[in-house]
PDB file of N, CA and C in Angstrom:
ATOM      1  N   MET A   1     205.516  96.003  53.128  1.00  0.00           N
ATOM      2  CA  MET A   1     204.267  95.301  53.273  1.00  0.00           C
ATOM      3  C   MET A   1     203.302  96.070  54.176  1.00  0.00           C
ATOM      4  N   PHE A   2     203.807  96.661  55.230  1.00  0.00           N
ATOM      5  CA  PHE A   2     202.949  97.399  56.136  1.00  0.00           C
ATOM      6  C   PHE A   2     202.725  98.845  55.698  1.00  0.00           C
ATOM      7  N   ALA A   3     203.587  99.366  54.857  1.00  0.00           N
ATOM      8  CA  ALA A   3     203.502 100.766  54.462  1.00  0.00           C
ATOM      9  C   ALA A   3     202.190 101.090  53.743  1.00  0.00           C
ATOM     10  N   PRO A   4     201.731 100.325  52.752  1.00  0.00           N
ATOM     11  CA  PRO A   4     200.450 100.668  52.099  1.00  0.00           C
ATOM     12  C   PRO A   4     199.275 100.611  53.076  1.00  0.00           C
ATOM     13  N   THR A   5     199.308  99.678  53.992  1.00  0.00           N
ATOM     14  CA  THR A   5     198.228  99.571  54.966  1.00  0.00           C
ATOM     15  C   THR A   5     198.195 100.789  55.875  1.00  0.00           C
ATOM     16  N   ARG A   6     199.354 101.245  56.298  1.00  0.00           N
ATOM     17  CA  ARG A   6     199.426 102.430  57.156  1.00  0.00           C
ATOM     18  C   ARG A   6     198.955 103.668  56.416  1.00  0.00           C
ATOM     19  N   TYR A   7     199.357 103.800  55.158  1.00  0.00           N
ATOM     20  CA  TYR A   7     198.934 104.959  54.380  1.00  0.00           C
ATOM     21  C   TYR A   7     197.420 104.951  54.153  1.00  0.00           C
ATOM     22  N   LEU A   8     196.888 103.792  53.861  1.00  0.00           N
ATOM     23  CA  LEU A   8     195.442 103.699  53.665  1.00  0.00           C
ATOM     24  C   LEU A   8     194.694 104.003  54.962  1.00  0.00           C
ATOM     25  N   ALA A   9     195.217 103.523  56.063  1.00  0.00           N
ATOM     26  CA  ALA A   9     194.584 103.805  57.356  1.00  0.00           C
ATOM     27  C   ALA A   9     194.654 105.291  57.677  1.00  0.00           C
ATOM     28  N   ALA A  10     195.772 105.922  57.382  1.00  0.00           N
ATOM     29  CA  ALA A  10     195.915 107.353  57.634  1.00  0.00           C
ATOM     30  C   ALA A  10     194.965 108.160  56.756  1.00  0.00           C
ATOM     31  N   ILE A  11     194.851 107.775  55.496  1.00  0.00           N
ATOM     32  CA  ILE A  11     193.939 108.467  54.587  1.00  0.00           C
ATOM     33  C   ILE A  11     192.493 108.296  55.043  1.00  0.00           C
ATOM     34  N   ALA A  12     192.140 107.104  55.463  1.00  0.00           N
ATOM     35  CA  ALA A  12     190.785 106.852  55.956  1.00  0.00           C
ATOM     36  C   ALA A  12     190.497 107.672  57.208  1.00  0.00           C
ATOM     37  N   LEU A  13     191.463 107.776  58.098  1.00  0.00           N
ATOM     38  CA  LEU A  13     191.294 108.567  59.311  1.00  0.00           C
ATOM     39  C   LEU A  13     191.109 110.044  58.984  1.00  0.00           C
ATOM     40  N   VAL A  14     191.930 110.567  58.091  1.00  0.00           N
ATOM     41  CA  VAL A  14     191.810 111.970  57.698  1.00  0.00           C
ATOM     42  C   VAL A  14     190.454 112.223  57.052  1.00  0.00           C
ATOM     43  N   PHE A  15     190.033 111.333  56.190  1.00  0.00           N
ATOM     44  CA  PHE A  15     188.730 111.485  55.537  1.00  0.00           C
ATOM     45  C   PHE A  15     187.596 111.461  56.558  1.00  0.00           C
ATOM     46  N   ALA A  16     187.671 110.567  57.531  1.00  0.00           N
ATOM     47  CA  ALA A  16     186.630 110.477  58.552  1.00  0.00           C
ATOM     48  C   ALA A  16     186.566 111.748  59.392  1.00  0.00           C
ATOM     49  N   VAL A  17     187.704 112.300  59.728  1.00  0.00           N
ATOM     50  CA  VAL A  17     187.731 113.514  60.545  1.00  0.00           C
ATOM     51  C   VAL A  17     187.222 114.713  59.755  1.00  0.00           C
ATOM     52  N   VAL A  18     187.565 114.790  58.492  1.00  0.00           N
ATOM     53  CA  VAL A  18     187.162 115.931  57.673  1.00  0.00           C
ATOM     54  C   VAL A  18     185.697 115.822  57.256  1.00  0.00           C
ATOM     55  N   ALA A  19     185.234 114.640  56.920  1.00  0.00           N
ATOM     56  CA  ALA A  19     183.892 114.474  56.380  1.00  0.00           C
ATOM     57  C   ALA A  19     182.821 114.363  57.455  1.00  0.00           C
ATOM     58  N   ALA A  20     183.153 113.935  58.652  1.00  0.00           N
ATOM     59  CA  ALA A  20     182.146 113.692  59.686  1.00  0.00           C
ATOM     60  C   ALA A  20     181.325 114.935  60.040  1.00  0.00           C
ATOM     61  N   PRO A  21     181.924 116.093  60.267  1.00  0.00           N
ATOM     62  CA  PRO A  21     181.093 117.249  60.623  1.00  0.00           C
ATOM     63  C   PRO A  21     180.121 117.671  59.518  1.00  0.00           C
ATOM     64  N   SER A  22     180.535 117.573  58.274  1.00  0.00           N
ATOM     65  CA  SER A  22     179.637 117.980  57.196  1.00  0.00           C
ATOM     66  C   SER A  22     178.478 117.003  57.038  1.00  0.00           C
ATOM     67  N   VAL A  23     178.718 115.722  57.238  1.00  0.00           N
ATOM     68  CA  VAL A  23     177.654 114.729  57.155  1.00  0.00           C
ATOM     69  C   VAL A  23     176.679 114.936  58.304  1.00  0.00           C
ATOM     70  N   ALA A  24     177.190 115.163  59.499  1.00  0.00           N
ATOM     71  CA  ALA A  24     176.327 115.370  60.660  1.00  0.00           C
ATOM     72  C   ALA A  24     175.503 116.637  60.506  1.00  0.00           C
ATOM     73  N   GLN A  25     176.073 117.659  59.932  1.00  0.00           N
ATOM     74  CA  GLN A  25     175.356 118.915  59.755  1.00  0.00           C
ATOM     75  C   GLN A  25     174.218 118.756  58.755  1.00  0.00           C
ATOM     76  N   ASP A  26     174.407 117.969  57.729  1.00  0.00           N
ATOM     77  CA  ASP A  26     173.366 117.770  56.731  1.00  0.00           C
ATOM     78  C   ASP A  26     172.177 117.017  57.314  1.00  0.00           C
ATOM     79  N   ARG A  27     172.425 116.127  58.262  1.00  0.00           N
ATOM     80  CA  ARG A  27     171.357 115.321  58.826  1.00  0.00           C
ATOM     81  C   ARG A  27     170.684 115.982  60.029  1.00  0.00           C
ATOM     82  N   ALA A  28     171.176 117.101  60.464  1.00  0.00           N
ATOM     83  CA  ALA A  28     170.599 117.773  61.622  1.00  0.00           C
ATOM     84  C   ALA A  28     169.210 118.313  61.287  1.00  0.00           C
ATOM     85  N   VAL A  29     168.330 118.226  62.261  1.00  0.00           N
ATOM     86  CA  VAL A  29     166.990 118.761  62.081  1.00  0.00           C
ATOM     87  C   VAL A  29     167.050 120.248  62.379  1.00  0.00           C
ATOM     88  N   ARG A  30     166.593 121.028  61.443  1.00  0.00           N
ATOM     89  CA  ARG A  30     166.619 122.473  61.622  1.00  0.00           C
ATOM     90  C   ARG A  30     165.300 122.924  62.236  1.00  0.00           C
ATOM     91  N   MET A  31     165.393 123.589  63.367  1.00  0.00           N
ATOM     92  CA  MET A  31     164.218 124.063  64.079  1.00  0.00           C
ATOM     93  C   MET A  31     163.859 125.458  63.580  1.00  0.00           C
ATOM     94  N   THR A  32     162.648 125.606  63.097  1.00  0.00           N
ATOM     95  CA  THR A  32     162.192 126.922  62.665  1.00  0.00           C
ATOM     96  C   THR A  32     161.520 127.621  63.842  1.00  0.00           C
ATOM     97  N   ALA A  33     161.373 128.913  63.727  1.00  0.00           N
ATOM     98  CA  ALA A  33     160.725 129.687  64.787  1.00  0.00           C
ATOM     99  C   ALA A  33     159.255 129.293  64.935  1.00  0.00           C
ATOM    100  N   VAL A  34     158.610 128.941  63.827  1.00  0.00           N
ATOM    101  CA  VAL A  34     157.204 128.540  63.869  1.00  0.00           C
ATOM    102  C   VAL A  34     157.059 127.230  64.635  1.00  0.00           C
ATOM    103  N   ARG A  35     157.952 126.284  64.358  1.00  0.00           N
ATOM    104  CA  ARG A  35     157.893 124.997  65.062  1.00  0.00           C
ATOM    105  C   ARG A  35     158.207 125.162  66.543  1.00  0.00           C
ATOM    106  N   ALA A  36     159.179 125.993  66.855  1.00  0.00           N
ATOM    107  CA  ALA A  36     159.530 126.223  68.255  1.00  0.00           C
ATOM    108  C   ALA A  36     158.359 126.847  69.009  1.00  0.00           C
ATOM    109  N   ALA A  37     157.679 127.796  68.379  1.00  0.00           N
ATOM    110  CA  ALA A  37     156.524 128.424  69.020  1.00  0.00           C
ATOM    111  C   ALA A  37     155.390 127.424  69.221  1.00  0.00           C
ATOM    112  N   ALA A  38     155.173 126.562  68.240  1.00  0.00           N
ATOM    113  CA  ALA A  38     154.125 125.546  68.355  1.00  0.00           C
ATOM    114  C   ALA A  38     154.459 124.558  69.467  1.00  0.00           C
ATOM    115  N   MET A  39     155.701 124.133  69.550  1.00  0.00           N
ATOM    116  CA  MET A  39     156.099 123.196  70.604  1.00  0.00           C
ATOM    117  C   MET A  39     155.928 123.831  71.980  1.00  0.00           C
ATOM    118  N   ARG A  40     156.309 125.096  72.097  1.00  0.00           N
ATOM    119  CA  ARG A  40     156.173 125.795  73.370  1.00  0.00           C
ATOM    120  C   ARG A  40     154.704 125.879  73.782  1.00  0.00           C
ATOM    121  N   ALA A  41     153.849 126.276  72.861  1.00  0.00           N
ATOM    122  CA  ALA A  41     152.423 126.407  73.155  1.00  0.00           C
ATOM    123  C   ALA A  41     151.795 125.059  73.506  1.00  0.00           C
ATOM    124  N   CYS A  42     152.172 124.029  72.785  1.00  0.00           N
ATOM    125  CA  CYS A  42     151.582 122.714  73.018  1.00  0.00           C
ATOM    126  C   CYS A  42     152.085 122.091  74.319  1.00  0.00           C
ATOM    127  N   ASN A  43     153.338 122.330  74.661  1.00  0.00           N
ATOM    128  CA  ASN A  43     153.837 121.844  75.943  1.00  0.00           C
ATOM    129  C   ASN A  43     153.117 122.519  77.105  1.00  0.00           C
ATOM    130  N   ILE A  44     152.840 123.795  76.967  1.00  0.00           N
ATOM    131  CA  ILE A  44     152.099 124.506  78.010  1.00  0.00           C
ATOM    132  C   ILE A  44     150.676 123.968  78.106  1.00  0.00           C
ATOM    133  N   LYS A  45     150.074 123.694  76.966  1.00  0.00           N
ATOM    134  CA  LYS A  45     148.706 123.190  76.936  1.00  0.00           C
ATOM    135  C   LYS A  45     148.602 121.789  77.555  1.00  0.00           C
ATOM    136  N   ALA A  46     149.628 120.952  77.364  1.00  0.00           N
ATOM    137  CA  ALA A  46     149.596 119.578  77.864  1.00  0.00           C
ATOM    138  C   ALA A  46     150.150 119.441  79.275  1.00  0.00           C
ATOM    139  N   ALA A  47     150.771 120.482  79.806  1.00  0.00           N
ATOM    140  CA  ALA A  47     151.438 120.399  81.107  1.00  0.00           C
ATOM    141  C   ALA A  47     150.523 120.009  82.272  1.00  0.00           C
ATOM    142  N   PRO A  48     149.274 120.459  82.336  1.00  0.00           N
ATOM    143  CA  PRO A  48     148.449 120.088  83.501  1.00  0.00           C
ATOM    144  C   PRO A  48     148.109 118.603  83.589  1.00  0.00           C
ATOM    145  N   TYR A  49     148.246 117.889  82.513  1.00  0.00           N
ATOM    146  CA  TYR A  49     147.838 116.491  82.483  1.00  0.00           C
ATOM    147  C   TYR A  49     149.034 115.587  82.786  1.00  0.00           C
ATOM    148  N   VAL A  50     149.332 115.418  84.049  1.00  0.00           N
ATOM    149  CA  VAL A  50     150.490 114.612  84.453  1.00  0.00           C
ATOM    150  C   VAL A  50     150.167 113.129  84.314  1.00  0.00           C
ATOM    151  N   PRO A  51     151.164 112.317  83.979  1.00  0.00           N
ATOM    152  CA  PRO A  51     150.907 110.902  83.704  1.00  0.00           C
ATOM    153  C   PRO A  51     150.339 110.110  84.876  1.00  0.00           C
ATOM    154  N   HIS A  52     150.710 110.425  86.108  1.00  0.00           N
ATOM    155  CA  HIS A  52     150.243 109.581  87.208  1.00  0.00           C
ATOM    156  C   HIS A  52     148.764 109.783  87.537  1.00  0.00           C
ATOM    157  N   THR A  53     148.154 110.848  87.020  1.00  0.00           N
ATOM    158  CA  THR A  53     146.715 111.013  87.223  1.00  0.00           C
ATOM    159  C   THR A  53     145.921 110.913  85.922  1.00  0.00           C
ATOM    160  N   TRP A  54     146.514 111.339  84.809  1.00  0.00           N
ATOM    161  CA  TRP A  54     145.794 111.384  83.555  1.00  0.00           C
ATOM    162  C   TRP A  54     146.238 110.323  82.551  1.00  0.00           C
ATOM    163  N   GLY A  55     147.246 109.569  82.858  1.00  0.00           N
ATOM    164  CA  GLY A  55     147.719 108.550  81.924  1.00  0.00           C
ATOM    165  C   GLY A  55     148.316 109.177  80.679  1.00  0.00           C
ATOM    166  N   ASN A  56     147.878 108.730  79.519  1.00  0.00           N
ATOM    167  CA  ASN A  56     148.409 109.230  78.242  1.00  0.00           C
ATOM    168  C   ASN A  56     147.655 110.443  77.704  1.00  0.00           C
ATOM    169  N   PHE A  57     146.721 110.982  78.441  1.00  0.00           N
ATOM    170  CA  PHE A  57     145.893 112.072  77.934  1.00  0.00           C
ATOM    171  C   PHE A  57     146.724 113.299  77.575  1.00  0.00           C
ATOM    172  N   GLY A  58     147.764 113.597  78.361  1.00  0.00           N
ATOM    173  CA  GLY A  58     148.626 114.741  78.060  1.00  0.00           C
ATOM    174  C   GLY A  58     149.311 114.597  76.714  1.00  0.00           C
ATOM    175  N   LEU A  59     149.711 113.372  76.390  1.00  0.00           N
ATOM    176  CA  LEU A  59     150.330 113.110  75.095  1.00  0.00           C
ATOM    177  C   LEU A  59     149.343 113.338  73.961  1.00  0.00           C
ATOM    178  N   TYR A  60     148.098 112.920  74.174  1.00  0.00           N
ATOM    179  CA  TYR A  60     147.084 113.122  73.148  1.00  0.00           C
ATOM    180  C   TYR A  60     146.773 114.608  72.954  1.00  0.00           C
ATOM    181  N   VAL A  61     146.769 115.362  74.054  1.00  0.00           N
ATOM    182  CA  VAL A  61     146.543 116.811  73.963  1.00  0.00           C
ATOM    183  C   VAL A  61     147.681 117.455  73.186  1.00  0.00           C
ATOM    184  N   TYR A  62     148.916 117.037  73.487  1.00  0.00           N
ATOM    185  CA  TYR A  62     150.085 117.581  72.787  1.00  0.00           C
ATOM    186  C   TYR A  62     150.018 117.260  71.293  1.00  0.00           C
ATOM    187  N   ARG A  63     149.704 116.023  70.955  1.00  0.00           N
ATOM    188  CA  ARG A  63     149.621 115.628  69.542  1.00  0.00           C
ATOM    189  C   ARG A  63     148.534 116.406  68.804  1.00  0.00           C
ATOM    190  N   ALA A  64     147.379 116.571  69.432  1.00  0.00           N
ATOM    191  CA  ALA A  64     146.284 117.309  68.801  1.00  0.00           C
ATOM    192  C   ALA A  64     146.672 118.768  68.607  1.00  0.00           C
ATOM    193  N   CYS A  65     147.342 119.333  69.591  1.00  0.00           N
ATOM    194  CA  CYS A  65     147.774 120.726  69.489  1.00  0.00           C
ATOM    195  C   CYS A  65     148.790 120.902  68.351  1.00  0.00           C
ATOM    196  N   MET A  66     149.729 119.980  68.238  1.00  0.00           N
ATOM    197  CA  MET A  66     150.710 120.077  67.155  1.00  0.00           C
ATOM    198  C   MET A  66     150.032 119.925  65.791  1.00  0.00           C
ATOM    199  N   ALA A  67     149.019 119.082  65.711  1.00  0.00           N
ATOM    200  CA  ALA A  67     148.271 118.941  64.453  1.00  0.00           C
ATOM    201  C   ALA A  67     147.532 120.226  64.125  1.00  0.00           C
ATOM    202  N   GLU A  68     146.992 120.894  65.149  1.00  0.00           N
ATOM    203  CA  GLU A  68     146.314 122.182  64.915  1.00  0.00           C
ATOM    204  C   GLU A  68     147.277 123.236  64.382  1.00  0.00           C
ATOM    205  N   HIS A  69     148.532 123.133  64.780  1.00  0.00           N
ATOM    206  CA  HIS A  69     149.550 124.076  64.309  1.00  0.00           C
ATOM    207  C   HIS A  69     150.218 123.611  63.005  1.00  0.00           C
ATOM    208  N   HIS A  70     149.727 122.510  62.425  1.00  0.00           N
ATOM    209  CA  HIS A  70     150.268 121.951  61.175  1.00  0.00           C
ATOM    210  C   HIS A  70     151.739 121.575  61.314  1.00  0.00           C
ATOM    211  N   GLN A  71     152.068 120.939  62.435  1.00  0.00           N
ATOM    212  CA  GLN A  71     153.435 120.496  62.696  1.00  0.00           C
ATOM    213  C   GLN A  71     153.410 119.005  62.988  1.00  0.00           C
ATOM    214  N   ALA A  72     154.525 118.346  62.722  1.00  0.00           N
ATOM    215  CA  ALA A  72     154.663 116.946  63.102  1.00  0.00           C
ATOM    216  C   ALA A  72     154.855 116.858  64.608  1.00  0.00           C
ATOM    217  N   GLU A  73     154.503 115.715  65.167  1.00  0.00           N
ATOM    218  CA  GLU A  73     154.673 115.542  66.606  1.00  0.00           C
ATOM    219  C   GLU A  73     156.099 115.763  66.927  1.00  0.00           C
TER     220      GLU A  73
END
């Protein structure tokens, strides 16, 4: 009575261990060199606008810069 349940649990465990890395790899966001360069440039551009003095302005500068580089935020 317990043997089929144990076998099914073992098969499910093996499948989860084998399939998990491939599923995670497929869903990973791949960073291109163009996107990395745009993020670096936009972070530098928005850095002077700290939140305690400028509020959300730094975020708006970053978003506008990423749009200029044709990248998603």
